[in-house]
């Protein structure tokens, strides 16, 4: 687990991290740029998901986040991957049928495929 040196990560938190079998990696002092990957993913989740949804409880938020991770890895286009998703998808020719949209997160996002 990558974290900064914030005081909220006290001894109780550190013991729980170790009990879960996780390795605790602490960023250097006064180095916010060292936490770039974590900052980016948190920003993406906030901008593309949680800013648009009111979570009713922890269980609901957990379900929303699981569905967002499914969408992010399996359906969302990534520029760095030449428009593909981390879990690679099949490419369809324009003649392969009509475009179908599968709503994700209650219609907040969609995954588009072609009907054969």
Protein backbone atom coordinates (compact mmCIF):
# COMPACT_ATOMS: atom_id res chain seq x y z
CA UNK A 1 0.00 0.00 0.00
CA UNK A 2 1.43 3.36 -1.06
CA UNK A 3 0.71 6.22 1.32
CA UNK A 4 2.04 9.57 2.42
CA UNK A 5 3.16 10.58 5.91
CA UNK A 6 -0.20 12.01 7.03
CA UNK A 7 -0.90 11.75 10.74
CA UNK A 8 -4.13 9.84 10.12
CA UNK A 9 -2.01 6.74 9.46
CA UNK A 10 -1.20 6.06 13.12
CA UNK A 11 -0.04 2.89 14.86
CA UNK A 12 -3.50 1.29 14.77
CA UNK A 13 -3.72 1.76 11.00
CA UNK A 14 -0.20 0.43 10.48
CA UNK A 15 -0.95 -2.71 12.56
CA UNK A 16 -4.13 -3.37 10.56
CA UNK A 17 -2.22 -3.02 7.27
CA UNK A 18 0.33 -5.59 8.46
CA UNK A 19 -2.45 -7.90 9.70
CA UNK A 20 -3.92 -7.87 6.18
CA UNK A 21 -0.55 -9.00 4.82
CA UNK A 22 0.07 -5.75 2.93
CA UNK A 23 3.40 -3.98 2.57
CA UNK A 24 3.30 -0.36 3.71
CA UNK A 25 5.29 1.94 1.39
CA UNK A 26 5.67 5.52 2.63
CA UNK A 27 6.47 8.35 0.20
CA UNK A 28 9.43 10.66 1.01
CA UNK A 29 8.81 13.79 3.07
CA UNK A 30 7.57 16.86 1.16
CA UNK A 31 7.31 14.89 -2.10
CA UNK A 32 3.69 14.98 -3.31
CA UNK A 33 4.80 14.10 -6.87
CA UNK A 34 5.83 10.63 -5.60
CA UNK A 35 2.18 9.75 -5.10
CA UNK A 36 1.17 10.48 -8.71
CA UNK A 37 -0.33 7.08 -9.58
CA UNK A 38 -2.53 7.01 -6.50
CA UNK A 39 -3.56 10.65 -7.02
CA UNK A 40 -4.47 9.97 -10.66
CA UNK A 41 -6.62 6.90 -9.99
CA UNK A 42 -8.41 8.62 -7.11
CA UNK A 43 -9.08 11.62 -9.37
CA UNK A 44 -10.46 9.39 -12.15
CA UNK A 45 -12.76 7.56 -9.74
CA UNK A 46 -13.98 10.86 -8.32
CA UNK A 47 -14.48 12.68 -11.66
CA UNK A 48 -16.00 9.78 -13.60
CA UNK A 49 -17.96 8.02 -10.86
CA UNK A 50 -18.48 9.28 -7.32
CA UNK A 51 -19.09 12.94 -8.26
CA UNK A 52 -22.22 11.75 -10.11
CA UNK A 53 -23.62 9.21 -7.66
CA UNK A 54 -25.05 9.52 -4.17
CA UNK A 55 -24.01 6.44 -2.22
CA UNK A 56 -26.77 5.31 0.12
CA UNK A 57 -24.46 3.26 2.36
CA UNK A 58 -21.12 1.45 2.38
CA UNK A 59 -22.54 -1.62 0.61
CA UNK A 60 -23.96 0.52 -2.19
CA UNK A 61 -20.67 2.43 -2.59
CA UNK A 62 -18.76 -0.86 -2.72
CA UNK A 63 -21.07 -2.16 -5.49
CA UNK A 64 -20.73 1.10 -7.46
CA UNK A 65 -16.93 0.99 -7.19
CA UNK A 66 -16.82 -2.69 -8.28
CA UNK A 67 -18.93 -1.86 -11.34
CA UNK A 68 -16.75 1.17 -12.12
CA UNK A 69 -13.59 -0.97 -11.96
CA UNK A 70 -15.26 -3.46 -14.33
CA UNK A 71 -16.10 -0.60 -16.72
CA UNK A 72 -12.67 1.05 -16.38
CA UNK A 73 -10.73 -2.16 -17.11
CA UNK A 74 -13.06 -3.76 -19.62
CA UNK A 75 -14.95 -1.07 -21.50
CA UNK A 76 -13.43 2.38 -21.12
CA UNK A 77 -11.18 3.62 -23.94
CA UNK A 78 -7.63 4.51 -22.87
CA UNK A 79 -5.53 6.82 -25.06
CA UNK A 80 -2.29 5.18 -23.90
CA UNK A 81 -3.63 1.83 -25.17
CA UNK A 82 -4.60 3.20 -28.60
CA UNK A 83 -8.29 3.28 -27.71
CA UNK A 84 -8.36 -0.19 -26.18
CA UNK A 85 -9.09 -1.14 -22.57
CA UNK A 86 -6.64 -2.82 -20.14
CA UNK A 87 -8.60 -6.06 -20.67
CA UNK A 88 -8.24 -6.07 -24.44
CA UNK A 89 -11.42 -6.08 -26.53
CA UNK A 90 -12.21 -7.34 -30.02
CA UNK A 91 -12.10 -4.78 -32.80
CA UNK A 92 -15.16 -4.64 -35.05
CA UNK A 93 -15.40 -3.48 -38.64
CA UNK A 94 -18.15 -0.96 -39.52
CA UNK A 95 -19.87 -3.72 -41.52
CA UNK A 96 -20.16 -6.08 -38.52
CA UNK A 97 -23.67 -4.95 -37.58
CA UNK A 98 -25.44 -2.23 -35.66
CA UNK A 99 -23.82 -0.51 -32.71
CA UNK A 100 -25.24 -1.56 -29.35
CA UNK A 101 -24.76 0.32 -26.11
CA UNK A 102 -24.59 -1.53 -22.80
CA UNK A 103 -25.23 0.87 -19.90
CA UNK A 104 -22.86 0.77 -16.94
CA UNK A 105 -23.42 2.39 -13.55
CA UNK A 106 -27.10 2.94 -14.22
CA UNK A 107 -26.42 4.64 -17.56
CA UNK A 108 -23.67 6.99 -16.35
CA UNK A 109 -21.30 5.28 -18.81
CA UNK A 110 -21.82 2.92 -21.75
CA UNK A 111 -19.81 0.13 -23.40
CA UNK A 112 -20.34 0.02 -27.15
CA UNK A 113 -20.14 -3.15 -29.27
CA UNK A 114 -21.43 -4.25 -32.65
CA UNK A 115 -24.23 -6.78 -32.98
CA UNK A 116 -23.21 -9.69 -35.21
